[in-house]
Amino acid sequence: MSNVKLVENASAATLDFYEGSDPSGSYAYTDGHGNGYVFIDYAQAEQYYTVRITAHETGHVLGLPDHYSGPCSELMSGGGPGPSCTNAYPDGNERAQVEQLWVNGKQARAQMERID
């Protein structure tokens, strides 16, 4: 992707990662424009591929919605395809969506929200 780069930069969008136990599972708390955090649930990480969970939740931080009915090849299908799915990469359509959302760089949104 050319419009998004994950780098350490104090003046850019802020994204943190946490882990712990939450009965609701893993989630992203985000404004959809690069700010927020990703929470990885221990129990879910034992069942599903942790890198896929992390990449999926990061997709929310970048503005992508869930598509649980999608195939394993879609990152945003999340746990829909089941625990055997280990694809941790967005497909071409998802990459194009992120490129479009970020064509003008970081844009602030007024509200943060939790996205499972």
N, C-alpha and C. Protein backbone atom coordinates (compact mmCIF):
# COMPACT_ATOMS: atom_id res chain seq x y z
N MET A 1 0.85 -1.17 0.00
CA MET A 1 0.00 0.00 0.00
C MET A 1 0.89 1.23 0.00
N SER A 2 0.50 2.21 -0.75
CA SER A 2 1.31 3.42 -0.82
C SER A 2 0.78 4.53 0.08
N ASN A 3 -0.50 4.53 0.42
CA ASN A 3 -1.06 5.61 1.22
C ASN A 3 -0.97 5.35 2.73
N VAL A 4 -0.63 4.12 3.13
CA VAL A 4 -0.55 3.77 4.55
C VAL A 4 0.77 3.07 4.82
N LYS A 5 1.46 3.53 5.85
CA LYS A 5 2.69 2.90 6.29
C LYS A 5 2.64 2.85 7.81
N LEU A 6 2.90 1.67 8.38
CA LEU A 6 2.94 1.55 9.83
C LEU A 6 4.37 1.81 10.29
N VAL A 7 4.59 2.98 10.90
CA VAL A 7 5.91 3.39 11.38
C VAL A 7 5.75 4.05 12.74
N GLU A 8 6.83 4.11 13.47
CA GLU A 8 6.81 4.82 14.74
C GLU A 8 7.04 6.29 14.46
N ASN A 9 6.02 7.12 14.83
CA ASN A 9 6.08 8.56 14.57
C ASN A 9 5.12 9.25 15.53
N ALA A 10 5.65 9.99 16.48
CA ALA A 10 4.84 10.61 17.52
C ALA A 10 3.83 11.62 16.98
N SER A 11 4.06 12.18 15.80
CA SER A 11 3.13 13.18 15.26
C SER A 11 2.08 12.57 14.34
N ALA A 12 2.13 11.28 14.13
CA ALA A 12 1.16 10.60 13.25
C ALA A 12 0.01 10.03 14.07
N ALA A 13 -0.86 9.29 13.42
CA ALA A 13 -1.96 8.62 14.11
C ALA A 13 -1.39 7.70 15.18
N THR A 14 -2.15 7.46 16.23
CA THR A 14 -1.69 6.64 17.35
C THR A 14 -2.44 5.32 17.38
N LEU A 15 -1.69 4.23 17.36
CA LEU A 15 -2.26 2.89 17.42
C LEU A 15 -1.46 2.09 18.43
N ASP A 16 -2.15 1.58 19.45
CA ASP A 16 -1.53 0.75 20.48
C ASP A 16 -2.14 -0.64 20.45
N PHE A 17 -1.41 -1.59 21.00
CA PHE A 17 -1.86 -2.98 21.06
C PHE A 17 -1.82 -3.46 22.51
N TYR A 18 -2.89 -4.15 22.93
CA TYR A 18 -2.98 -4.70 24.28
C TYR A 18 -3.45 -6.13 24.20
N GLU A 19 -3.21 -6.87 25.26
CA GLU A 19 -3.71 -8.24 25.34
C GLU A 19 -4.24 -8.48 26.74
N GLY A 20 -5.15 -9.43 26.86
CA GLY A 20 -5.74 -9.74 28.15
C GLY A 20 -6.94 -10.64 27.96
N SER A 21 -7.84 -10.62 28.92
CA SER A 21 -9.04 -11.45 28.86
C SER A 21 -10.27 -10.55 28.80
N ASP A 22 -11.13 -10.83 27.83
CA ASP A 22 -12.39 -10.11 27.68
C ASP A 22 -13.42 -11.11 27.18
N PRO A 23 -14.53 -11.27 27.88
CA PRO A 23 -15.54 -12.24 27.45
C PRO A 23 -16.09 -11.98 26.06
N SER A 24 -15.95 -10.74 25.56
CA SER A 24 -16.42 -10.40 24.22
C SER A 24 -15.41 -10.75 23.14
N GLY A 25 -14.19 -11.11 23.52
CA GLY A 25 -13.17 -11.45 22.54
C GLY A 25 -12.33 -10.25 22.15
N SER A 26 -11.61 -10.39 21.05
CA SER A 26 -10.72 -9.34 20.55
C SER A 26 -11.53 -8.23 19.88
N TYR A 27 -10.97 -7.03 19.88
CA TYR A 27 -11.68 -5.91 19.25
C TYR A 27 -10.71 -4.76 18.97
N ALA A 28 -11.20 -3.80 18.20
CA ALA A 28 -10.48 -2.54 17.98
C ALA A 28 -11.34 -1.42 18.52
N TYR A 29 -10.72 -0.50 19.22
CA TYR A 29 -11.38 0.71 19.69
C TYR A 29 -10.75 1.83 18.87
N THR A 30 -11.52 2.43 17.96
CA THR A 30 -10.90 3.28 16.95
C THR A 30 -11.83 4.34 16.41
N ASP A 31 -11.22 5.34 15.79
CA ASP A 31 -11.99 6.32 15.04
C ASP A 31 -12.02 5.94 13.56
N GLY A 32 -11.38 4.81 13.20
CA GLY A 32 -11.35 4.35 11.82
C GLY A 32 -10.36 5.10 10.95
N HIS A 33 -9.59 5.99 11.56
CA HIS A 33 -8.62 6.79 10.82
C HIS A 33 -7.23 6.72 11.45
N GLY A 34 -6.89 5.53 11.96
CA GLY A 34 -5.55 5.30 12.46
C GLY A 34 -5.35 5.54 13.94
N ASN A 35 -6.32 6.08 14.63
CA ASN A 35 -6.20 6.32 16.07
C ASN A 35 -6.98 5.27 16.83
N GLY A 36 -6.41 4.83 17.94
CA GLY A 36 -7.11 3.89 18.80
C GLY A 36 -6.20 2.79 19.27
N TYR A 37 -6.82 1.65 19.62
CA TYR A 37 -6.03 0.51 20.05
C TYR A 37 -6.69 -0.79 19.64
N VAL A 38 -5.87 -1.82 19.60
CA VAL A 38 -6.32 -3.17 19.30
C VAL A 38 -6.15 -3.99 20.57
N PHE A 39 -7.19 -4.72 20.94
CA PHE A 39 -7.14 -5.61 22.10
C PHE A 39 -7.24 -7.05 21.62
N ILE A 40 -6.28 -7.87 22.01
CA ILE A 40 -6.27 -9.29 21.65
C ILE A 40 -6.63 -10.11 22.88
N ASP A 41 -7.72 -10.86 22.79
CA ASP A 41 -8.19 -11.69 23.88
C ASP A 41 -7.42 -13.01 23.92
N TYR A 42 -6.93 -13.38 25.11
CA TYR A 42 -6.15 -14.61 25.27
C TYR A 42 -6.89 -15.85 24.79
N ALA A 43 -8.14 -16.01 25.19
CA ALA A 43 -8.90 -17.22 24.83
C ALA A 43 -9.09 -17.30 23.32
N GLN A 44 -9.40 -16.19 22.69
CA GLN A 44 -9.60 -16.19 21.24
C GLN A 44 -8.27 -16.48 20.53
N ALA A 45 -7.18 -15.95 21.07
CA ALA A 45 -5.86 -16.17 20.47
C ALA A 45 -5.42 -17.63 20.59
N GLU A 46 -5.96 -18.36 21.54
CA GLU A 46 -5.66 -19.80 21.64
C GLU A 46 -6.39 -20.59 20.56
N GLN A 47 -7.51 -20.07 20.11
CA GLN A 47 -8.34 -20.77 19.13
C GLN A 47 -8.03 -20.36 17.69
N TYR A 48 -7.77 -19.08 17.47
CA TYR A 48 -7.53 -18.53 16.13
C TYR A 48 -6.08 -18.08 15.99
N TYR A 49 -5.62 -17.92 14.77
CA TYR A 49 -4.27 -17.47 14.46
C TYR A 49 -4.11 -16.02 14.92
N THR A 50 -3.23 -15.79 15.88
CA THR A 50 -3.08 -14.47 16.50
C THR A 50 -2.70 -13.39 15.49
N VAL A 51 -1.86 -13.71 14.53
CA VAL A 51 -1.47 -12.71 13.53
C VAL A 51 -2.68 -12.28 12.71
N ARG A 52 -3.57 -13.23 12.39
CA ARG A 52 -4.78 -12.87 11.65
C ARG A 52 -5.69 -11.98 12.50
N ILE A 53 -5.84 -12.31 13.76
CA ILE A 53 -6.67 -11.48 14.64
C ILE A 53 -6.12 -10.05 14.67
N THR A 54 -4.82 -9.93 14.87
CA THR A 54 -4.18 -8.62 14.96
C THR A 54 -4.33 -7.84 13.65
N ALA A 55 -4.11 -8.50 12.53
CA ALA A 55 -4.25 -7.85 11.23
C ALA A 55 -5.70 -7.44 10.98
N HIS A 56 -6.64 -8.31 11.33
CA HIS A 56 -8.07 -8.01 11.15
C HIS A 56 -8.47 -6.76 11.96
N GLU A 57 -8.09 -6.75 13.23
CA GLU A 57 -8.44 -5.60 14.08
C GLU A 57 -7.74 -4.32 13.61
N THR A 58 -6.52 -4.45 13.11
CA THR A 58 -5.82 -3.29 12.55
C THR A 58 -6.56 -2.79 11.31
N GLY A 59 -7.18 -3.70 10.56
CA GLY A 59 -8.01 -3.31 9.42
C GLY A 59 -9.13 -2.37 9.84
N HIS A 60 -9.73 -2.63 11.01
CA HIS A 60 -10.76 -1.72 11.52
C HIS A 60 -10.18 -0.34 11.80
N VAL A 61 -8.99 -0.31 12.39
CA VAL A 61 -8.35 0.96 12.70
C VAL A 61 -8.11 1.77 11.42
N LEU A 62 -7.89 1.06 10.33
CA LEU A 62 -7.68 1.73 9.04
C LEU A 62 -8.99 2.04 8.31
N GLY A 63 -10.12 1.63 8.89
CA GLY A 63 -11.42 1.98 8.34
C GLY A 63 -12.21 0.87 7.68
N LEU A 64 -11.72 -0.37 7.73
CA LEU A 64 -12.43 -1.47 7.07
C LEU A 64 -13.51 -2.06 7.98
N PRO A 65 -14.67 -2.39 7.42
CA PRO A 65 -15.74 -3.03 8.19
C PRO A 65 -15.59 -4.55 8.20
N ASP A 66 -16.31 -5.21 9.12
CA ASP A 66 -16.36 -6.67 9.14
C ASP A 66 -17.10 -7.19 7.91
N HIS A 67 -16.74 -8.38 7.49
CA HIS A 67 -17.44 -9.10 6.43
C HIS A 67 -17.36 -10.59 6.76
N TYR A 68 -17.99 -10.97 7.88
CA TYR A 68 -17.86 -12.32 8.42
C TYR A 68 -18.27 -13.42 7.45
N SER A 69 -19.12 -13.11 6.48
CA SER A 69 -19.57 -14.14 5.54
C SER A 69 -18.58 -14.35 4.40
N GLY A 70 -17.51 -13.58 4.38
CA GLY A 70 -16.51 -13.69 3.31
C GLY A 70 -15.63 -14.92 3.47
N PRO A 71 -14.87 -15.24 2.43
CA PRO A 71 -13.97 -16.38 2.46
C PRO A 71 -12.69 -16.07 3.25
N CYS A 72 -11.90 -17.08 3.52
CA CYS A 72 -10.64 -16.94 4.24
C CYS A 72 -9.70 -15.95 3.56
N SER A 73 -9.80 -15.83 2.24
CA SER A 73 -8.92 -14.91 1.50
C SER A 73 -9.20 -13.44 1.83
N GLU A 74 -10.35 -13.14 2.44
CA GLU A 74 -10.68 -11.78 2.88
C GLU A 74 -10.28 -11.65 4.35
N LEU A 75 -9.38 -10.76 4.64
CA LEU A 75 -8.95 -10.54 6.01
C LEU A 75 -10.11 -10.14 6.91
N MET A 76 -11.01 -9.32 6.40
CA MET A 76 -12.09 -8.81 7.23
C MET A 76 -13.23 -9.81 7.42
N SER A 77 -13.06 -11.04 6.90
CA SER A 77 -14.02 -12.10 7.22
C SER A 77 -13.80 -12.59 8.64
N GLY A 78 -12.69 -12.18 9.25
CA GLY A 78 -12.44 -12.47 10.66
C GLY A 78 -12.51 -13.94 10.97
N GLY A 79 -13.28 -14.29 12.00
CA GLY A 79 -13.42 -15.68 12.41
C GLY A 79 -14.46 -16.44 11.63
N GLY A 80 -15.13 -15.77 10.68
CA GLY A 80 -16.18 -16.42 9.89
C GLY A 80 -15.76 -17.72 9.24
N PRO A 81 -14.59 -17.77 8.59
CA PRO A 81 -14.15 -19.00 7.94
C PRO A 81 -13.69 -20.10 8.91
N GLY A 82 -13.59 -19.78 10.19
CA GLY A 82 -13.20 -20.77 11.18
C GLY A 82 -11.74 -20.69 11.57
N PRO A 83 -11.37 -21.43 12.63
CA PRO A 83 -10.02 -21.34 13.17
C PRO A 83 -8.92 -21.89 12.26
N SER A 84 -9.25 -22.65 11.24
CA SER A 84 -8.22 -23.17 10.34
C SER A 84 -7.70 -22.10 9.38
N CYS A 85 -8.40 -20.98 9.26
CA CYS A 85 -7.98 -19.90 8.37
C CYS A 85 -6.84 -19.12 9.01
N THR A 86 -5.71 -19.07 8.34
CA THR A 86 -4.54 -18.35 8.86
C THR A 86 -4.10 -17.19 7.96
N ASN A 87 -4.91 -16.83 6.98
CA ASN A 87 -4.57 -15.71 6.11
C ASN A 87 -4.54 -14.41 6.92
N ALA A 88 -3.42 -13.73 6.92
CA ALA A 88 -3.28 -12.49 7.68
C ALA A 88 -3.08 -11.28 6.76
N TYR A 89 -3.48 -11.42 5.49
CA TYR A 89 -3.26 -10.35 4.51
C TYR A 89 -4.59 -9.91 3.90
N PRO A 90 -4.76 -8.60 3.70
CA PRO A 90 -5.97 -8.14 3.01
C PRO A 90 -5.94 -8.56 1.55
N ASP A 91 -7.11 -8.82 0.99
CA ASP A 91 -7.15 -9.15 -0.44
C ASP A 91 -7.09 -7.85 -1.25
N GLY A 92 -7.11 -7.96 -2.56
CA GLY A 92 -6.99 -6.80 -3.44
C GLY A 92 -8.06 -5.75 -3.20
N ASN A 93 -9.30 -6.19 -2.99
CA ASN A 93 -10.39 -5.24 -2.75
C ASN A 93 -10.19 -4.50 -1.43
N GLU A 94 -9.77 -5.22 -0.40
CA GLU A 94 -9.54 -4.58 0.89
C GLU A 94 -8.38 -3.58 0.82
N ARG A 95 -7.32 -3.96 0.11
CA ARG A 95 -6.19 -3.03 -0.07
C ARG A 95 -6.64 -1.78 -0.81
N ALA A 96 -7.45 -1.95 -1.84
CA ALA A 96 -7.96 -0.80 -2.61
C ALA A 96 -8.83 0.10 -1.73
N GLN A 97 -9.65 -0.50 -0.86
CA GLN A 97 -10.48 0.29 0.06
C GLN A 97 -9.61 1.15 0.97
N VAL A 98 -8.56 0.54 1.54
CA VAL A 98 -7.68 1.28 2.44
C VAL A 98 -6.98 2.40 1.67
N GLU A 99 -6.50 2.10 0.48
CA GLU A 99 -5.84 3.13 -0.33
C GLU A 99 -6.79 4.30 -0.57
N GLN A 100 -8.04 4.02 -0.88
CA GLN A 100 -9.02 5.07 -1.13
C GLN A 100 -9.33 5.86 0.14
N LEU A 101 -9.50 5.16 1.26
CA LEU A 101 -9.79 5.83 2.52
C LEU A 101 -8.65 6.74 2.96
N TRP A 102 -7.43 6.38 2.59
CA TRP A 102 -6.26 7.12 3.05
C TRP A 102 -5.59 7.94 1.95
N VAL A 103 -6.28 8.17 0.84
CA VAL A 103 -5.69 8.90 -0.27
C VAL A 103 -5.22 10.30 0.14
N ASN A 104 -5.89 10.91 1.10
CA ASN A 104 -5.51 12.25 1.57
C ASN A 104 -4.79 12.21 2.92
N GLY A 105 -4.34 11.04 3.33
CA GLY A 105 -3.64 10.92 4.61
C GLY A 105 -4.61 10.83 5.77
N LYS A 106 -4.08 11.08 6.94
CA LYS A 106 -4.85 10.99 8.18
C LYS A 106 -5.95 12.05 8.21
N GLN A 107 -7.16 11.61 8.53
CA GLN A 107 -8.28 12.52 8.71
C GLN A 107 -8.94 12.20 10.04
N ALA A 108 -9.14 13.18 10.87
CA ALA A 108 -9.73 12.95 12.19
C ALA A 108 -11.23 12.73 12.08
N ARG A 109 -11.75 11.89 12.91
CA ARG A 109 -13.17 11.68 13.06
C ARG A 109 -13.55 12.12 14.47
N ALA A 110 -14.76 12.52 14.67
CA ALA A 110 -15.16 13.08 15.95
C ALA A 110 -15.32 12.03 17.05
N GLN A 111 -15.55 10.79 16.72
CA GLN A 111 -15.93 9.82 17.73
C GLN A 111 -15.14 8.53 17.58
N MET A 112 -14.74 7.97 18.72
CA MET A 112 -14.09 6.66 18.74
C MET A 112 -15.18 5.63 19.00
N GLU A 113 -15.02 4.42 18.44
CA GLU A 113 -15.99 3.37 18.69
C GLU A 113 -15.31 2.02 18.77
N ARG A 114 -15.96 1.11 19.47
CA ARG A 114 -15.45 -0.24 19.59
C ARG A 114 -16.01 -1.06 18.45
N ILE A 115 -15.11 -1.80 17.76
CA ILE A 115 -15.52 -2.65 16.65
C ILE A 115 -14.99 -4.04 16.92
N ASP A 116 -15.89 -5.01 17.03
CA ASP A 116 -15.47 -6.40 17.29
C ASP A 116 -15.03 -7.08 16.03
